[in-house]
Amino acid sequence: MKRVLITGAAGFLGSHLCERFLKEGCHVIAMDNLITGDLKNIEHLFKLKEFEFYHHDVSKFIHIPGELDYILHFASPASPIDYLKIPIQTLKVGSLGTHNCLGLAKAKGARMLIASTSEVYGDPLVHPQTEDYWGNVNPIGPRGVYDEAKRFQEAITMAYHRYHGVETRIVRIFNTYGPRMRLNDGRVLPAFIGQALRGEDLTVFGDGSQTRSFCYVDDLIEGIYRLLQSDYAEPVNIGNPDEITIADFAEEIIKLTGTDQKVIYKPLPVDDPMQRQPNIDRARAILNWEPKVSRAEGLKITYDYFKSLPDEELYKKEHNTFEGYIRK
C-alpha cells in the first residue's frame, strides 16, 4: 500500500485529493493547521483505518514515521481574502513549508508534487498562458505575497530536483470550483452564488471585461493524479480553457439560480489579472488529459451543494480586505 502525505488536506482541493488517493488504495496521511481549512471537509474519512490526520503547520519541522511514497504539498491560503489577511503566513508556507516538505521527500525518497498556480503568470501579457511564459508579476503589490510565494516554491522545487535528484512534479492550477469551496472566501464563483442565494445584487469588480476559465474539481484532481504518476518534472497547466468574461459569468449565475438580482460594479482591485486562460497542450500531450465536465454541469452540482449549506454558512461574513486594494 502506497503511503501519501497531503498537506492542506482539510481545504477544498486537499479534501478531494484525500478521497482520490484513498480510492486508489493508498494510506493517506492528512496534514493541516486549520487556518483556512475545515475538519468538516474530511470528517467523513476519520473512520477509515487507511486515513490519519496530523494537526500541524508545515512551516515548522515535519516528522512522519515510516515510509512515504508521495507528498502532495497543497498547504497555502488560496483566496484573496485569506492571503491579504495573513500575508506573512502565506509567504512562510510557500517558502519554509515547501522547504520542509522537500527535505522530507529527500529523506524518505518520496516523489513530491507541489500546487502552484496560474498566479505565477501575474497579469499576463501572453494569452492564453503557456508554461514557458515567465509572467508579469508585481512582487511588492498586495497580491505579491501569494504570487511570489508560489514562484519561489517552483524555484526551490526545481533546485531540489536538479541538485538533490528529488522526484518532483509542479502543477499550475487555474480557477477551480466545486463542492467544499468556502462560500465567502472572496473568489468570484462562490461570491456570486452566495450573493444570489442571499438575494443580494452580484458585485463585479472593474467593468466585467476581465476573463476567467473555470475548471470543475473532479477534472482538476484527475489531472493532478496523472501528473504525479508521470515522469515529467517541469510545470504543467491544469485548467479548463473555456474562457468567459466576468460580466457574462454573472449573467450565467443569475440564470442558474433563477433570481432577478442586478449586477453592480465596483473599482477593480490592484493587480487583478485581466485575462486567465490556460494553454493545456502540454497536459494533453504528456498526460492525455483534458477537462470533461462542462461549466453548465459543474455549476449545477456546485449550486446544489451551496444550497444545501445551513443558513449560518450562507450568512457568515468574512472580513474582505480584498476590497481595500483598489486601483488608484
C-alpha atoms as a PDB file:
ATOM      1  CA  MET A   1       0.000   0.000   0.000  1.00  0.00           C
ATOM      2  CA  LYS A   2       1.418   3.368  -1.067  1.00  0.00           C
ATOM      3  CA  ARG A   3       1.672   5.948   1.706  1.00  0.00           C
ATOM      4  CA  VAL A   4       0.924   9.549   0.737  1.00  0.00           C
ATOM      5  CA  LEU A   5       1.210  12.773   2.740  1.00  0.00           C
ATOM      6  CA  ILE A   6      -1.213  15.520   1.702  1.00  0.00           C
ATOM      7  CA  THR A   7      -0.646  18.958   3.227  1.00  0.00           C
ATOM      8  CA  GLY A   8      -3.539  21.401   3.306  1.00  0.00           C
ATOM      9  CA  ALA A   9      -5.713  18.293   3.484  1.00  0.00           C
ATOM     10  CA  ALA A  10      -8.697  19.956   5.165  1.00  0.00           C
ATOM     11  CA  GLY A  11      -9.006  22.542   2.408  1.00  0.00           C
ATOM     12  CA  PHE A  12     -11.121  22.493  -0.733  1.00  0.00           C
ATOM     13  CA  LEU A  13      -8.644  20.728  -3.013  1.00  0.00           C
ATOM     14  CA  GLY A  14      -6.857  18.830  -0.258  1.00  0.00           C
ATOM     15  CA  SER A  15     -10.030  17.071   0.851  1.00  0.00           C
ATOM     16  CA  HIS A  16     -10.801  15.918  -2.700  1.00  0.00           C
ATOM     17  CA  LEU A  17      -7.229  14.653  -3.042  1.00  0.00           C
ATOM     18  CA  CYS A  18      -7.597  12.651   0.173  1.00  0.00           C
ATOM     19  CA  GLU A  19     -10.673  10.955  -1.248  1.00  0.00           C
ATOM     20  CA  ARG A  20      -8.989  10.229  -4.568  1.00  0.00           C
ATOM     21  CA  PHE A  21      -5.899   8.608  -3.046  1.00  0.00           C
ATOM     22  CA  LEU A  22      -7.988   6.541  -0.653  1.00  0.00           C
ATOM     23  CA  LYS A  23      -9.979   5.377  -3.668  1.00  0.00           C
ATOM     24  CA  GLU A  24      -6.682   4.408  -5.328  1.00  0.00           C
ATOM     25  CA  GLY A  25      -5.888   2.149  -2.362  1.00  0.00           C
ATOM     26  CA  CYS A  26      -3.337   4.412  -0.663  1.00  0.00           C
ATOM     27  CA  HIS A  27      -2.769   5.059   3.021  1.00  0.00           C
ATOM     28  CA  VAL A  28      -3.394   8.817   3.373  1.00  0.00           C
ATOM     29  CA  ILE A  29      -1.678  10.974   5.975  1.00  0.00           C
ATOM     30  CA  ALA A  30      -3.513  14.283   6.063  1.00  0.00           C
ATOM     31  CA  MET A  31      -1.866  17.404   7.499  1.00  0.00           C
ATOM     32  CA  ASP A  32      -3.386  20.836   8.101  1.00  0.00           C
ATOM     33  CA  ASN A  33      -3.025  23.646  10.658  1.00  0.00           C
ATOM     34  CA  LEU A  34      -6.686  24.604  10.023  1.00  0.00           C
ATOM     35  CA  ILE A  35      -6.022  28.324   9.484  1.00  0.00           C
ATOM     36  CA  THR A  36      -8.165  28.216   6.347  1.00  0.00           C
ATOM     37  CA  GLY A  37      -9.027  24.502   6.183  1.00  0.00           C
ATOM     38  CA  ASP A  38     -12.026  22.937   7.925  1.00  0.00           C
ATOM     39  CA  LEU A  39     -12.218  19.491   9.524  1.00  0.00           C
ATOM     40  CA  LYS A  40     -15.794  19.212   8.223  1.00  0.00           C
ATOM     41  CA  ASN A  41     -14.274  18.614   4.773  1.00  0.00           C
ATOM     42  CA  ILE A  42     -12.583  15.396   5.891  1.00  0.00           C
ATOM     43  CA  GLU A  43     -14.510  14.264   8.977  1.00  0.00           C
ATOM     44  CA  HIS A  44     -16.199  11.505   6.960  1.00  0.00           C
ATOM     45  CA  LEU A  45     -12.736   9.957   6.412  1.00  0.00           C
ATOM     46  CA  PHE A  46     -11.707   9.647  10.074  1.00  0.00           C
ATOM     47  CA  LYS A  47     -13.440   6.284  10.438  1.00  0.00           C
ATOM     48  CA  LEU A  48     -11.158   4.715   7.808  1.00  0.00           C
ATOM     49  CA  LYS A  49      -8.109   2.804   9.030  1.00  0.00           C
ATOM     50  CA  GLU A  50      -6.214   3.928   5.913  1.00  0.00           C
ATOM     51  CA  PHE A  51      -6.593   7.589   6.929  1.00  0.00           C
ATOM     52  CA  GLU A  52      -4.832   9.576   9.652  1.00  0.00           C
ATOM     53  CA  PHE A  53      -4.705  13.275  10.445  1.00  0.00           C
ATOM     54  CA  TYR A  54      -1.898  15.461  11.792  1.00  0.00           C
ATOM     55  CA  HIS A  55      -2.802  18.927  13.098  1.00  0.00           C
ATOM     56  CA  HIS A  56       0.451  20.642  12.168  1.00  0.00           C
ATOM     57  CA  ASP A  57       1.888  23.745  10.500  1.00  0.00           C
ATOM     58  CA  VAL A  58       4.200  22.675   7.660  1.00  0.00           C
ATOM     59  CA  SER A  59       6.215  25.874   8.100  1.00  0.00           C
ATOM     60  CA  LYS A  60       7.672  24.068  11.126  1.00  0.00           C
ATOM     61  CA  PHE A  61       9.736  20.872  11.039  1.00  0.00           C
ATOM     62  CA  ILE A  62       7.748  17.885   9.752  1.00  0.00           C
ATOM     63  CA  HIS A  63       8.185  14.410  11.217  1.00  0.00           C
ATOM     64  CA  ILE A  64       6.321  11.476   9.698  1.00  0.00           C
ATOM     65  CA  PRO A  65       7.267   7.993  10.960  1.00  0.00           C
ATOM     66  CA  GLY A  66       7.640   5.181   8.457  1.00  0.00           C
ATOM     67  CA  GLU A  67       7.976   5.181   4.710  1.00  0.00           C
ATOM     68  CA  LEU A  68       6.451   7.700   2.334  1.00  0.00           C
ATOM     69  CA  ASP A  69       5.893   7.209  -1.380  1.00  0.00           C
ATOM     70  CA  TYR A  70       4.281  10.538  -2.289  1.00  0.00           C
ATOM     71  CA  ILE A  71       3.994  14.049  -0.869  1.00  0.00           C
ATOM     72  CA  LEU A  72       1.415  16.475  -2.259  1.00  0.00           C
ATOM     73  CA  HIS A  73       2.017  19.981  -0.929  1.00  0.00           C
ATOM     74  CA  PHE A  74      -1.287  21.855  -1.053  1.00  0.00           C
ATOM     75  CA  ALA A  75      -0.976  23.854   2.170  1.00  0.00           C
ATOM     76  CA  SER A  76      -1.481  27.551   1.419  1.00  0.00           C
ATOM     77  CA  PRO A  77      -4.108  30.250   1.633  1.00  0.00           C
ATOM     78  CA  ALA A  78      -5.554  30.420  -1.874  1.00  0.00           C
ATOM     79  CA  SER A  79      -8.149  33.181  -1.861  1.00  0.00           C
ATOM     80  CA  PRO A  80      -7.553  36.939  -1.853  1.00  0.00           C
ATOM     81  CA  ILE A  81      -9.377  37.335   1.470  1.00  0.00           C
ATOM     82  CA  ASP A  82      -7.046  34.828   3.098  1.00  0.00           C
ATOM     83  CA  TYR A  83      -3.665  35.820   1.744  1.00  0.00           C
ATOM     84  CA  LEU A  84      -4.309  39.536   2.224  1.00  0.00           C
ATOM     85  CA  LYS A  85      -5.389  38.867   5.817  1.00  0.00           C
ATOM     86  CA  ILE A  86      -2.444  36.574   6.654  1.00  0.00           C
ATOM     87  CA  PRO A  87       0.337  37.649   4.272  1.00  0.00           C
ATOM     88  CA  ILE A  88       3.277  36.503   6.403  1.00  0.00           C
ATOM     89  CA  GLN A  89       1.850  33.003   6.878  1.00  0.00           C
ATOM     90  CA  THR A  90       1.231  32.843   3.119  1.00  0.00           C
ATOM     91  CA  LEU A  91       4.871  33.627   2.389  1.00  0.00           C
ATOM     92  CA  LYS A  92       6.082  31.189   5.034  1.00  0.00           C
ATOM     93  CA  VAL A  93       4.035  28.226   3.837  1.00  0.00           C
ATOM     94  CA  GLY A  94       5.246  28.794   0.277  1.00  0.00           C
ATOM     95  CA  SER A  95       8.889  29.086   1.321  1.00  0.00           C
ATOM     96  CA  LEU A  96       9.584  27.379   4.677  1.00  0.00           C
ATOM     97  CA  GLY A  97       6.724  24.924   4.222  1.00  0.00           C
ATOM     98  CA  THR A  98       7.891  23.896   0.771  1.00  0.00           C
ATOM     99  CA  HIS A  99      11.486  23.606   2.017  1.00  0.00           C
ATOM    100  CA  ASN A 100      10.371  21.324   4.850  1.00  0.00           C
ATOM    101  CA  CYS A 101       8.330  19.141   2.513  1.00  0.00           C
ATOM    102  CA  LEU A 102      11.199  18.862   0.037  1.00  0.00           C
ATOM    103  CA  GLY A 103      13.568  17.912   2.847  1.00  0.00           C
ATOM    104  CA  LEU A 104      11.128  15.223   3.916  1.00  0.00           C
ATOM    105  CA  ALA A 105      10.817  13.978   0.327  1.00  0.00           C
ATOM    106  CA  LYS A 106      14.606  13.782   0.059  1.00  0.00           C
ATOM    107  CA  ALA A 107      14.908  11.896   3.357  1.00  0.00           C
ATOM    108  CA  LYS A 108      12.128   9.436   2.517  1.00  0.00           C
ATOM    109  CA  GLY A 109      12.925   9.007  -1.179  1.00  0.00           C
ATOM    110  CA  ALA A 110       9.368  10.170  -1.926  1.00  0.00           C
ATOM    111  CA  ARG A 111       8.027  11.764  -5.081  1.00  0.00           C
ATOM    112  CA  MET A 112       6.690  15.247  -4.372  1.00  0.00           C
ATOM    113  CA  LEU A 113       4.075  17.297  -6.227  1.00  0.00           C
ATOM    114  CA  ILE A 114       3.578  20.970  -5.425  1.00  0.00           C
ATOM    115  CA  ALA A 115       0.434  23.002  -6.018  1.00  0.00           C
ATOM    116  CA  SER A 116       1.479  26.059  -7.953  1.00  0.00           C
ATOM    117  CA  THR A 117      -0.983  28.433  -9.571  1.00  0.00           C
ATOM    118  CA  SER A 118      -1.834  30.486 -12.621  1.00  0.00           C
ATOM    119  CA  GLU A 119      -0.986  33.474 -10.415  1.00  0.00           C
ATOM    120  CA  VAL A 120       2.688  32.914 -11.287  1.00  0.00           C
ATOM    121  CA  TYR A 121       1.763  34.483 -14.637  1.00  0.00           C
ATOM    122  CA  GLY A 122       0.540  37.647 -12.894  1.00  0.00           C
ATOM    123  CA  ASP A 123      -1.437  39.998 -15.142  1.00  0.00           C
ATOM    124  CA  PRO A 124      -0.334  38.180 -18.296  1.00  0.00           C
ATOM    125  CA  LEU A 125       0.903  39.775 -21.499  1.00  0.00           C
ATOM    126  CA  VAL A 126       0.650  36.401 -23.271  1.00  0.00           C
ATOM    127  CA  HIS A 127      -2.752  34.851 -23.936  1.00  0.00           C
ATOM    128  CA  PRO A 128      -3.588  32.055 -23.442  1.00  0.00           C
ATOM    129  CA  GLN A 129      -0.876  31.324 -20.896  1.00  0.00           C
ATOM    130  CA  THR A 130       1.714  28.665 -21.768  1.00  0.00           C
ATOM    131  CA  GLU A 131       4.109  27.079 -19.301  1.00  0.00           C
ATOM    132  CA  ASP A 132       7.139  28.712 -20.917  1.00  0.00           C
ATOM    133  CA  TYR A 133       5.748  32.222 -20.242  1.00  0.00           C
ATOM    134  CA  TRP A 134       7.619  33.811 -17.320  1.00  0.00           C
ATOM    135  CA  GLY A 135       4.833  36.104 -16.212  1.00  0.00           C
ATOM    136  CA  ASN A 136       4.118  39.760 -15.444  1.00  0.00           C
ATOM    137  CA  VAL A 137       4.058  39.961 -11.645  1.00  0.00           C
ATOM    138  CA  ASN A 138       4.256  42.898  -9.242  1.00  0.00           C
ATOM    139  CA  PRO A 139       6.462  41.477  -6.442  1.00  0.00           C
ATOM    140  CA  ILE A 140       5.653  44.245  -3.944  1.00  0.00           C
ATOM    141  CA  GLY A 141       1.941  44.650  -4.628  1.00  0.00           C
ATOM    142  CA  PRO A 142      -0.709  43.331  -2.213  1.00  0.00           C
ATOM    143  CA  ARG A 143      -1.077  40.112  -4.243  1.00  0.00           C
ATOM    144  CA  GLY A 144       2.702  39.656  -4.334  1.00  0.00           C
ATOM    145  CA  VAL A 145       2.669  37.704  -1.066  1.00  0.00           C
ATOM    146  CA  TYR A 146       0.828  34.887  -2.855  1.00  0.00           C
ATOM    147  CA  ASP A 147       2.311  35.250  -6.334  1.00  0.00           C
ATOM    148  CA  GLU A 148       5.917  35.359  -5.167  1.00  0.00           C
ATOM    149  CA  ALA A 149       5.419  32.594  -2.598  1.00  0.00           C
ATOM    150  CA  LYS A 150       4.322  30.346  -5.443  1.00  0.00           C
ATOM    151  CA  ARG A 151       7.118  31.469  -7.767  1.00  0.00           C
ATOM    152  CA  PHE A 152       9.690  30.779  -5.045  1.00  0.00           C
ATOM    153  CA  GLN A 153       8.010  27.440  -4.420  1.00  0.00           C
ATOM    154  CA  GLU A 154       8.562  26.459  -8.040  1.00  0.00           C
ATOM    155  CA  ALA A 155      12.197  27.642  -7.953  1.00  0.00           C
ATOM    156  CA  ILE A 156      13.173  25.697  -4.822  1.00  0.00           C
ATOM    157  CA  THR A 157      11.342  22.614  -6.092  1.00  0.00           C
ATOM    158  CA  MET A 158      13.341  22.632  -9.330  1.00  0.00           C
ATOM    159  CA  ALA A 159      16.527  23.241  -7.329  1.00  0.00           C
ATOM    160  CA  TYR A 160      15.884  20.130  -5.212  1.00  0.00           C
ATOM    161  CA  HIS A 161      15.112  18.196  -8.385  1.00  0.00           C
ATOM    162  CA  ARG A 162      18.300  19.278 -10.161  1.00  0.00           C
ATOM    163  CA  TYR A 163      20.726  19.366  -7.223  1.00  0.00           C
ATOM    164  CA  HIS A 164      19.443  16.573  -4.963  1.00  0.00           C
ATOM    165  CA  GLY A 165      17.737  14.412  -7.565  1.00  0.00           C
ATOM    166  CA  VAL A 166      14.376  14.544  -5.773  1.00  0.00           C
ATOM    167  CA  GLU A 167      11.489  13.379  -7.964  1.00  0.00           C
ATOM    168  CA  THR A 168       9.267  16.441  -8.224  1.00  0.00           C
ATOM    169  CA  ARG A 169       6.148  17.497 -10.127  1.00  0.00           C
ATOM    170  CA  ILE A 170       4.673  21.003 -10.491  1.00  0.00           C
ATOM    171  CA  VAL A 171       1.016  21.629 -11.296  1.00  0.00           C
ATOM    172  CA  ARG A 172      -0.086  25.155 -12.195  1.00  0.00           C
ATOM    173  CA  ILE A 173      -3.729  25.283 -11.160  1.00  0.00           C
ATOM    174  CA  PHE A 174      -6.182  27.614 -12.878  1.00  0.00           C
ATOM    175  CA  ASN A 175      -9.553  28.698 -11.432  1.00  0.00           C
ATOM    176  CA  THR A 176     -11.210  25.616  -9.957  1.00  0.00           C
ATOM    177  CA  TYR A 177     -14.634  25.204  -8.390  1.00  0.00           C
ATOM    178  CA  GLY A 178     -16.893  22.583  -6.874  1.00  0.00           C
ATOM    179  CA  PRO A 179     -18.293  21.306  -3.573  1.00  0.00           C
ATOM    180  CA  ARG A 180     -16.433  22.295  -0.380  1.00  0.00           C
ATOM    181  CA  MET A 181     -15.389  25.706  -1.586  1.00  0.00           C
ATOM    182  CA  ARG A 182     -15.905  28.282   1.145  1.00  0.00           C
ATOM    183  CA  LEU A 183     -18.944  30.319   0.271  1.00  0.00           C
ATOM    184  CA  ASN A 184     -17.472  33.653   1.413  1.00  0.00           C
ATOM    185  CA  ASP A 185     -13.800  33.261   0.533  1.00  0.00           C
ATOM    186  CA  GLY A 186     -13.701  36.184  -1.902  1.00  0.00           C
ATOM    187  CA  ARG A 187     -13.356  34.194  -5.122  1.00  0.00           C
ATOM    188  CA  VAL A 188     -15.718  35.123  -7.876  1.00  0.00           C
ATOM    189  CA  LEU A 189     -17.746  31.939  -8.260  1.00  0.00           C
ATOM    190  CA  PRO A 190     -18.744  31.343  -4.615  1.00  0.00           C
ATOM    191  CA  ALA A 191     -19.148  35.099  -4.155  1.00  0.00           C
ATOM    192  CA  PHE A 192     -21.699  35.275  -6.998  1.00  0.00           C
ATOM    193  CA  ILE A 193     -23.610  32.188  -5.856  1.00  0.00           C
ATOM    194  CA  GLY A 194     -23.625  33.364  -2.238  1.00  0.00           C
ATOM    195  CA  GLN A 195     -24.990  36.769  -3.233  1.00  0.00           C
ATOM    196  CA  ALA A 196     -27.674  35.126  -5.378  1.00  0.00           C
ATOM    197  CA  LEU A 197     -28.742  32.807  -2.555  1.00  0.00           C
ATOM    198  CA  ARG A 198     -28.956  35.739  -0.124  1.00  0.00           C
ATOM    199  CA  GLY A 199     -30.984  37.832  -2.579  1.00  0.00           C
ATOM    200  CA  GLU A 200     -28.188  40.391  -2.983  1.00  0.00           C
ATOM    201  CA  ASP A 201     -27.053  42.096  -6.157  1.00  0.00           C
ATOM    202  CA  LEU A 202     -23.996  40.492  -7.759  1.00  0.00           C
ATOM    203  CA  THR A 203     -20.790  42.506  -7.381  1.00  0.00           C
ATOM    204  CA  VAL A 204     -18.452  42.747 -10.361  1.00  0.00           C
ATOM    205  CA  PHE A 205     -15.087  44.441  -9.819  1.00  0.00           C
ATOM    206  CA  GLY A 206     -13.994  46.550 -12.778  1.00  0.00           C
ATOM    207  CA  ASP A 207     -16.089  46.720 -15.939  1.00  0.00           C
ATOM    208  CA  GLY A 208     -16.526  42.948 -16.138  1.00  0.00           C
ATOM    209  CA  SER A 209     -14.440  42.546 -19.293  1.00  0.00           C
ATOM    210  CA  GLN A 210     -11.736  40.587 -17.455  1.00  0.00           C
ATOM    211  CA  THR A 211     -11.843  36.860 -18.131  1.00  0.00           C
ATOM    212  CA  ARG A 212     -11.563  33.634 -16.168  1.00  0.00           C
ATOM    213  CA  SER A 213     -11.579  29.960 -17.145  1.00  0.00           C
ATOM    214  CA  PHE A 214     -13.287  27.664 -14.640  1.00  0.00           C
ATOM    215  CA  CYS A 215     -12.340  24.003 -14.160  1.00  0.00           C
ATOM    216  CA  TYR A 216     -14.535  21.579 -12.217  1.00  0.00           C
ATOM    217  CA  VAL A 217     -12.741  19.994  -9.273  1.00  0.00           C
ATOM    218  CA  ASP A 218     -13.053  16.369 -10.450  1.00  0.00           C
ATOM    219  CA  ASP A 219     -11.280  17.244 -13.697  1.00  0.00           C
ATOM    220  CA  LEU A 220      -8.505  19.013 -11.807  1.00  0.00           C
ATOM    221  CA  ILE A 221      -7.964  16.087  -9.419  1.00  0.00           C
ATOM    222  CA  GLU A 222      -7.699  13.695 -12.372  1.00  0.00           C
ATOM    223  CA  GLY A 223      -5.067  15.926 -13.974  1.00  0.00           C
ATOM    224  CA  ILE A 224      -3.095  16.138 -10.737  1.00  0.00           C
ATOM    225  CA  TYR A 225      -3.169  12.361 -10.302  1.00  0.00           C
ATOM    226  CA  ARG A 226      -1.944  11.779 -13.851  1.00  0.00           C
ATOM    227  CA  LEU A 227       0.833  14.326 -13.422  1.00  0.00           C
ATOM    228  CA  LEU A 228       2.018  12.661 -10.213  1.00  0.00           C
ATOM    229  CA  GLN A 229       2.188   9.306 -11.992  1.00  0.00           C
ATOM    230  CA  SER A 230       4.050  10.763 -14.983  1.00  0.00           C
ATOM    231  CA  ASP A 231       7.809  11.210 -15.356  1.00  0.00           C
ATOM    232  CA  TYR A 232       7.569  14.920 -16.245  1.00  0.00           C
ATOM    233  CA  ALA A 233       9.279  17.351 -13.844  1.00  0.00           C
ATOM    234  CA  GLU A 234       8.563  20.777 -15.370  1.00  0.00           C
ATOM    235  CA  PRO A 235       5.367  22.780 -14.732  1.00  0.00           C
ATOM    236  CA  VAL A 236       2.099  21.680 -16.314  1.00  0.00           C
ATOM    237  CA  ASN A 237      -1.019  23.832 -16.609  1.00  0.00           C
ATOM    238  CA  ILE A 238      -4.179  22.086 -15.406  1.00  0.00           C
ATOM    239  CA  GLY A 239      -7.357  24.029 -16.054  1.00  0.00           C
ATOM    240  CA  ASN A 240     -10.293  24.425 -18.399  1.00  0.00           C
ATOM    241  CA  PRO A 241      -9.578  26.639 -21.441  1.00  0.00           C
ATOM    242  CA  ASP A 242     -13.272  27.574 -21.803  1.00  0.00           C
ATOM    243  CA  GLU A 243     -12.868  31.326 -21.201  1.00  0.00           C
ATOM    244  CA  ILE A 244     -15.668  33.700 -20.154  1.00  0.00           C
ATOM    245  CA  THR A 245     -15.858  37.356 -19.126  1.00  0.00           C
ATOM    246  CA  ILE A 246     -16.820  38.101 -15.534  1.00  0.00           C
ATOM    247  CA  ALA A 247     -19.840  40.121 -16.731  1.00  0.00           C
ATOM    248  CA  ASP A 248     -21.132  37.185 -18.788  1.00  0.00           C
ATOM    249  CA  PHE A 249     -20.419  34.826 -15.916  1.00  0.00           C
ATOM    250  CA  ALA A 250     -22.537  36.957 -13.573  1.00  0.00           C
ATOM    251  CA  GLU A 251     -25.419  36.614 -16.022  1.00  0.00           C
ATOM    252  CA  GLU A 252     -24.889  32.837 -16.107  1.00  0.00           C
ATOM    253  CA  ILE A 253     -25.177  32.693 -12.320  1.00  0.00           C
ATOM    254  CA  ILE A 254     -28.361  34.794 -12.329  1.00  0.00           C
ATOM    255  CA  LYS A 255     -29.870  32.427 -14.903  1.00  0.00           C
ATOM    256  CA  LEU A 256     -28.706  29.337 -12.989  1.00  0.00           C
ATOM    257  CA  THR A 257     -30.133  30.498  -9.662  1.00  0.00           C
ATOM    258  CA  GLY A 258     -33.376  31.838 -11.143  1.00  0.00           C
ATOM    259  CA  THR A 259     -33.003  35.110  -9.307  1.00  0.00           C
ATOM    260  CA  ASP A 260     -33.676  38.625 -10.563  1.00  0.00           C
ATOM    261  CA  GLN A 261     -30.769  40.470  -8.982  1.00  0.00           C
ATOM    262  CA  LYS A 262     -28.922  43.237 -10.739  1.00  0.00           C
ATOM    263  CA  VAL A 263     -25.197  43.354 -11.402  1.00  0.00           C
ATOM    264  CA  ILE A 264     -23.395  46.232  -9.663  1.00  0.00           C
ATOM    265  CA  TYR A 265     -19.868  47.398 -10.435  1.00  0.00           C
ATOM    266  CA  LYS A 266     -17.063  48.405  -8.082  1.00  0.00           C
ATOM    267  CA  PRO A 267     -13.457  49.518  -8.695  1.00  0.00           C
ATOM    268  CA  LEU A 268     -11.018  46.811  -9.753  1.00  0.00           C
ATOM    269  CA  PRO A 269      -8.526  45.659  -7.069  1.00  0.00           C
ATOM    270  CA  VAL A 270      -4.818  46.306  -7.560  1.00  0.00           C
ATOM    271  CA  ASP A 271      -3.035  43.841  -9.880  1.00  0.00           C
ATOM    272  CA  ASP A 272      -6.198  41.855 -10.540  1.00  0.00           C
ATOM    273  CA  PRO A 273      -5.371  39.919 -13.746  1.00  0.00           C
ATOM    274  CA  MET A 274      -7.350  40.918 -16.816  1.00  0.00           C
ATOM    275  CA  GLN A 275      -7.121  37.537 -18.542  1.00  0.00           C
ATOM    276  CA  ARG A 276      -6.919  33.951 -17.373  1.00  0.00           C
ATOM    277  CA  GLN A 277      -6.959  31.099 -19.857  1.00  0.00           C
ATOM    278  CA  PRO A 278      -4.681  28.067 -19.742  1.00  0.00           C
ATOM    279  CA  ASN A 279      -2.993  26.611 -22.755  1.00  0.00           C
ATOM    280  CA  ILE A 280      -3.276  22.884 -21.971  1.00  0.00           C
ATOM    281  CA  ASP A 281      -1.371  21.490 -24.964  1.00  0.00           C
ATOM    282  CA  ARG A 282       1.310  20.125 -22.626  1.00  0.00           C
ATOM    283  CA  ALA A 283      -1.250  18.338 -20.423  1.00  0.00           C
ATOM    284  CA  ARG A 284      -2.918  16.867 -23.498  1.00  0.00           C
ATOM    285  CA  ALA A 285       0.363  15.632 -24.955  1.00  0.00           C
ATOM    286  CA  ILE A 286       2.069  14.340 -21.797  1.00  0.00           C
ATOM    287  CA  LEU A 287      -0.855  13.276 -19.597  1.00  0.00           C
ATOM    288  CA  ASN A 288      -3.528  12.586 -22.231  1.00  0.00           C
ATOM    289  CA  TRP A 289      -5.692  14.861 -20.092  1.00  0.00           C
ATOM    290  CA  GLU A 290      -8.323  17.452 -20.804  1.00  0.00           C
ATOM    291  CA  PRO A 291     -11.395  18.548 -18.844  1.00  0.00           C
ATOM    292  CA  LYS A 292     -14.583  16.531 -19.277  1.00  0.00           C
ATOM    293  CA  VAL A 293     -17.153  18.384 -17.152  1.00  0.00           C
ATOM    294  CA  SER A 294     -18.906  21.303 -18.843  1.00  0.00           C
ATOM    295  CA  ARG A 295     -19.353  24.558 -16.953  1.00  0.00           C
ATOM    296  CA  ALA A 296     -23.142  24.124 -17.022  1.00  0.00           C
ATOM    297  CA  GLU A 297     -22.890  20.656 -15.469  1.00  0.00           C
ATOM    298  CA  GLY A 298     -20.303  21.639 -12.873  1.00  0.00           C
ATOM    299  CA  LEU A 299     -22.159  24.790 -11.858  1.00  0.00           C
ATOM    300  CA  LYS A 300     -25.376  22.838 -11.286  1.00  0.00           C
ATOM    301  CA  ILE A 301     -23.577  20.427  -8.913  1.00  0.00           C
ATOM    302  CA  THR A 302     -21.838  23.307  -7.125  1.00  0.00           C
ATOM    303  CA  TYR A 303     -25.024  25.355  -6.799  1.00  0.00           C
ATOM    304  CA  ASP A 304     -26.869  22.368  -5.311  1.00  0.00           C
ATOM    305  CA  TYR A 305     -24.023  21.971  -2.796  1.00  0.00           C
ATOM    306  CA  PHE A 306     -24.183  25.618  -1.726  1.00  0.00           C
ATOM    307  CA  LYS A 307     -27.978  25.475  -1.454  1.00  0.00           C
ATOM    308  CA  SER A 308     -27.626  22.577   0.997  1.00  0.00           C
ATOM    309  CA  LEU A 309     -25.475  24.581   3.433  1.00  0.00           C
ATOM    310  CA  PRO A 310     -27.035  25.786   6.704  1.00  0.00           C
ATOM    311  CA  ASP A 311     -28.034  29.428   6.999  1.00  0.00           C
ATOM    312  CA  GLU A 312     -25.126  30.215   9.315  1.00  0.00           C
ATOM    313  CA  GLU A 313     -22.738  29.354   6.480  1.00  0.00           C
ATOM    314  CA  LEU A 314     -24.732  31.318   3.937  1.00  0.00           C
ATOM    315  CA  TYR A 315     -24.821  34.468   6.033  1.00  0.00           C
ATOM    316  CA  LYS A 316     -21.397  34.226   7.656  1.00  0.00           C
ATOM    317  CA  LYS A 317     -19.374  37.294   6.815  1.00  0.00           C
ATOM    318  CA  GLU A 318     -15.615  37.177   6.370  1.00  0.00           C
ATOM    319  CA  HIS A 319     -13.562  40.344   6.550  1.00  0.00           C
ATOM    320  CA  ASN A 320     -12.929  41.190   2.904  1.00  0.00           C
ATOM    321  CA  THR A 321      -9.616  43.045   2.844  1.00  0.00           C
ATOM    322  CA  PHE A 322      -9.594  42.450  -0.922  1.00  0.00           C
ATOM    323  CA  GLU A 323     -11.925  45.412  -1.442  1.00  0.00           C
ATOM    324  CA  GLY A 324      -9.419  47.695   0.255  1.00  0.00           C
ATOM    325  CA  TYR A 325      -6.869  47.261  -2.517  1.00  0.00           C
ATOM    326  CA  ILE A 326      -8.417  49.112  -5.424  1.00  0.00           C
ATOM    327  CA  ARG A 327      -6.692  50.784  -8.330  1.00  0.00           C
ATOM    328  CA  LYS A 328      -5.965  54.463  -7.765  1.00  0.00           C
END
